Amino acid sequence: MIAKRMILALIVAALAAFPVTTVGAGPNSDSAGVKASKVSVNTKMKVLTGSWIFTLTAPGMPPFKSLFTFTDDGSLITTGAFLVPFGPPIGVAVFSAGHGEWDKIRNGEFAFTFVVLIHDQNAQFVGTSKVNGTLQVNEAMDSLTGSAHACDLDANDNVLFCFDGTIQGQRILVGS
C-alpha cells in the first residue's frame, strides 16, 4: 500500500515536470490567444517546462504529493520522500528520485515515462518502479490533470504489482 503511494507520488512528480509546447499565435499568446506572461515565448511556447507539485490518487490509498521538474529538452526529474513497507524478504523499501522523459502528444497534452530505483533497508538493489502516463495542461498553464500507470519490478524485471492513478498538479511560481 505504501509502495503504491510512493509510486503514485513519483508519477505526480514526473507529470509536473513535463514541458508542454504549442505554436504561438503571437509573441505573447498561445494558439488559443491566452496571454503567456510567466512563460517565455519564441516560435514555440513552453507550456509544461518548469517545476510542479503533484497530488497522486490511486484506489485504496490516501493521496500523496511529489515534485516534478520538466526540462525544455524533454527530460523529467521527480522527487519525493518514499519509505515503503514491503512484505518479506524486502521489508522497508527506499525509492530513489525518478528520471525519465516527456513529449508532446498534441497542444496541451503530454506523455511521460520515468523510472525509480528501489533498494531495501540494507541498501541492496531490489528492483525498479516504472511509471508512464499522460498530462493535460490548462489554458492558463498553471495547473494540470492526468493519469498514470505504475509497475514495480523485481531485480530481474518480473512484475511485482501494477496500479493506475490520477494526477493533479500546480505549477510552482516565483513568489508563490
Protein backbone atom coordinates (compact mmCIF):
# COMPACT_ATOMS: atom_id res chain seq x y z
CA MET A 1 0.00 0.00 0.00
CA ILE A 2 2.78 2.41 0.86
CA ALA A 3 4.72 1.29 -2.22
CA LYS A 4 1.71 2.15 -4.34
CA ARG A 5 1.51 5.54 -2.62
CA MET A 6 5.16 6.22 -3.32
CA ILE A 7 4.85 5.21 -6.95
CA LEU A 8 1.86 7.46 -7.34
CA ALA A 9 3.79 10.33 -5.77
CA LEU A 10 6.61 9.73 -8.22
CA ILE A 11 4.14 9.73 -11.08
CA VAL A 12 2.72 13.01 -9.91
CA ALA A 13 6.20 14.48 -9.58
CA ALA A 14 7.13 13.31 -13.05
CA LEU A 15 3.99 14.74 -14.56
CA ALA A 16 4.59 18.12 -13.02
CA ALA A 17 8.00 18.31 -14.59
CA PHE A 18 6.91 17.72 -18.22
CA PRO A 19 7.34 20.65 -20.63
CA VAL A 20 4.49 21.48 -22.94
CA THR A 21 4.88 23.33 -26.21
CA THR A 22 2.40 24.92 -28.54
CA VAL A 23 2.88 27.14 -31.56
CA GLY A 24 2.23 30.74 -30.53
CA ALA A 25 -0.39 32.86 -32.28
CA GLY A 26 1.62 35.95 -31.49
CA PRO A 27 4.65 37.00 -29.49
CA ASN A 28 2.83 36.76 -26.14
CA SER A 29 -0.02 34.32 -26.68
CA ASP A 30 -0.57 30.62 -27.28
CA SER A 31 -2.63 29.21 -30.16
CA ALA A 32 -5.84 29.96 -28.23
CA GLY A 33 -4.81 33.59 -27.64
CA VAL A 34 -4.02 33.10 -23.94
CA LYS A 35 -1.54 35.66 -22.58
CA ALA A 36 1.73 33.99 -21.56
CA SER A 37 3.34 36.47 -19.20
CA LYS A 38 5.07 33.88 -16.99
CA VAL A 39 6.28 31.59 -19.79
CA SER A 40 8.93 32.55 -22.35
CA VAL A 41 7.67 32.61 -25.91
CA ASN A 42 9.70 32.08 -29.07
CA THR A 43 8.48 30.13 -32.07
CA LYS A 44 7.19 27.59 -29.55
CA MET A 45 5.66 28.33 -26.18
CA LYS A 46 6.89 26.23 -23.27
CA VAL A 47 3.74 25.08 -21.50
CA LEU A 48 4.94 22.21 -19.29
CA THR A 49 8.58 23.19 -18.71
CA GLY A 50 9.25 24.07 -15.09
CA SER A 51 8.56 22.68 -11.64
CA TRP A 52 5.25 21.40 -10.32
CA ILE A 53 3.81 19.90 -7.17
CA PHE A 54 1.66 16.87 -7.91
CA THR A 55 -1.02 15.12 -5.91
CA LEU A 56 -1.43 11.49 -6.90
CA THR A 57 -4.51 9.45 -6.07
CA ALA A 58 -4.88 5.69 -6.51
CA PRO A 59 -7.59 3.24 -5.44
CA GLY A 60 -7.22 2.06 -1.83
CA MET A 61 -4.54 4.61 -0.96
CA PRO A 62 -4.61 8.11 0.51
CA PRO A 63 -3.46 10.89 -1.86
CA PHE A 64 0.25 11.70 -1.75
CA LYS A 65 2.46 14.52 -3.05
CA SER A 66 5.57 14.61 -5.21
CA LEU A 67 7.66 17.20 -7.07
CA PHE A 68 8.22 17.09 -10.85
CA THR A 69 10.56 19.15 -12.99
CA PHE A 70 10.15 19.14 -16.78
CA THR A 71 13.10 20.48 -18.77
CA ASP A 72 12.89 22.08 -22.20
CA ASP A 73 14.95 19.25 -23.74
CA GLY A 74 12.33 16.63 -22.76
CA SER A 75 13.94 15.32 -19.57
CA LEU A 76 11.90 14.66 -16.43
CA ILE A 77 13.06 14.53 -12.79
CA THR A 78 10.76 13.54 -9.93
CA THR A 79 11.38 13.67 -6.19
CA GLY A 80 9.59 12.69 -3.04
CA ALA A 81 10.32 11.07 0.31
CA PHE A 82 9.39 7.43 -0.03
CA LEU A 83 9.91 4.67 2.51
CA VAL A 84 7.50 1.87 1.70
CA PRO A 85 6.87 -1.27 3.74
CA PHE A 86 7.02 -4.41 1.61
CA GLY A 87 6.48 -7.97 2.74
CA PRO A 88 9.40 -10.30 3.48
CA PRO A 89 12.09 -10.62 2.35
CA ILE A 90 12.34 -6.93 1.31
CA GLY A 91 10.98 -5.21 4.42
CA VAL A 92 11.11 -1.42 4.17
CA ALA A 93 11.90 -0.22 0.66
CA VAL A 94 13.55 3.08 -0.22
CA PHE A 95 12.62 4.69 -3.53
CA SER A 96 15.09 6.98 -5.34
CA ALA A 97 14.31 10.12 -7.30
CA GLY A 98 12.80 9.36 -10.70
CA HIS A 99 14.37 10.11 -14.06
CA GLY A 100 12.73 9.97 -17.46
CA GLU A 101 11.37 11.81 -20.46
CA TRP A 102 8.26 13.61 -21.62
CA ASP A 103 6.96 14.53 -25.06
CA LYS A 104 4.12 16.50 -26.59
CA ILE A 105 1.19 14.45 -27.91
CA ARG A 106 -0.83 17.47 -29.13
CA ASN A 107 -1.43 21.04 -27.93
CA GLY A 108 -1.80 20.97 -24.16
CA GLU A 109 -1.38 17.18 -23.87
CA PHE A 110 1.83 15.34 -22.99
CA ALA A 111 3.09 11.81 -22.41
CA PHE A 112 5.72 10.89 -19.83
CA THR A 113 7.75 7.92 -18.59
CA PHE A 114 10.15 7.70 -15.67
CA VAL A 115 12.00 5.05 -13.66
CA VAL A 116 12.73 4.92 -9.93
CA LEU A 117 15.26 2.61 -8.26
CA ILE A 118 14.10 0.54 -5.27
CA HIS A 119 16.51 -0.55 -2.50
CA ASP A 120 15.87 -2.43 0.75
CA GLN A 121 16.72 -1.09 4.21
CA ASN A 122 20.24 -2.56 3.80
CA ALA A 123 20.84 -0.54 0.60
CA GLN A 124 20.59 -3.64 -1.61
CA PHE A 125 19.04 -3.07 -5.04
CA VAL A 126 15.71 -4.92 -5.26
CA GLY A 127 14.13 -3.53 -8.42
CA THR A 128 12.58 -0.57 -10.21
CA SER A 129 9.31 1.25 -10.43
CA LYS A 130 8.32 2.24 -13.98
CA VAL A 131 5.66 4.88 -14.47
CA ASN A 132 4.05 6.26 -17.61
CA GLY A 133 1.04 8.41 -18.28
CA THR A 134 -0.45 11.50 -19.85
CA LEU A 135 -1.00 15.06 -18.68
CA GLN A 136 -3.30 17.85 -19.84
CA VAL A 137 -2.29 21.43 -19.03
CA ASN A 138 -4.98 24.11 -18.58
CA GLU A 139 -5.06 27.26 -20.77
CA ALA A 140 -3.51 29.41 -18.02
CA MET A 141 -0.62 26.90 -17.90
CA ASP A 142 -0.68 26.86 -14.10
CA SER A 143 -2.43 23.56 -13.38
CA LEU A 144 -2.81 20.15 -14.95
CA THR A 145 -4.60 16.85 -14.67
CA GLY A 146 -3.61 13.42 -15.85
CA SER A 147 -3.43 9.69 -15.39
CA ALA A 148 -0.59 7.29 -14.77
CA HIS A 149 0.14 3.57 -14.83
CA ALA A 150 2.87 2.28 -12.50
CA CYS A 151 4.51 -1.14 -12.15
CA ASP A 152 7.06 -2.26 -9.55
CA LEU A 153 9.51 -4.80 -10.94
CA ASP A 154 11.99 -7.01 -9.11
CA ALA A 155 15.73 -7.01 -9.92
CA ASN A 156 15.07 -9.42 -12.84
CA ASP A 157 12.30 -7.19 -14.32
CA ASN A 158 9.49 -9.51 -13.13
CA VAL A 159 6.32 -7.57 -12.32
CA LEU A 160 5.55 -7.45 -8.58
CA PHE A 161 2.37 -5.38 -8.96
CA CYS A 162 0.84 -2.59 -11.06
CA PHE A 163 -1.75 0.08 -10.45
CA ASP A 164 -3.36 3.12 -12.09
CA GLY A 165 -3.84 6.56 -10.60
CA THR A 166 -4.94 10.10 -11.32
CA ILE A 167 -2.81 13.22 -11.11
CA GLN A 168 -3.49 16.84 -10.29
CA GLY A 169 -0.69 19.38 -10.44
CA GLN A 170 0.03 23.01 -9.70
CA ARG A 171 2.92 24.94 -11.21
CA ILE A 172 5.45 26.31 -8.70
CA LEU A 173 5.73 30.04 -9.47
CA VAL A 174 8.13 32.73 -8.27
CA GLY A 175 6.70 34.38 -5.19
CA SER A 176 4.02 31.76 -4.64
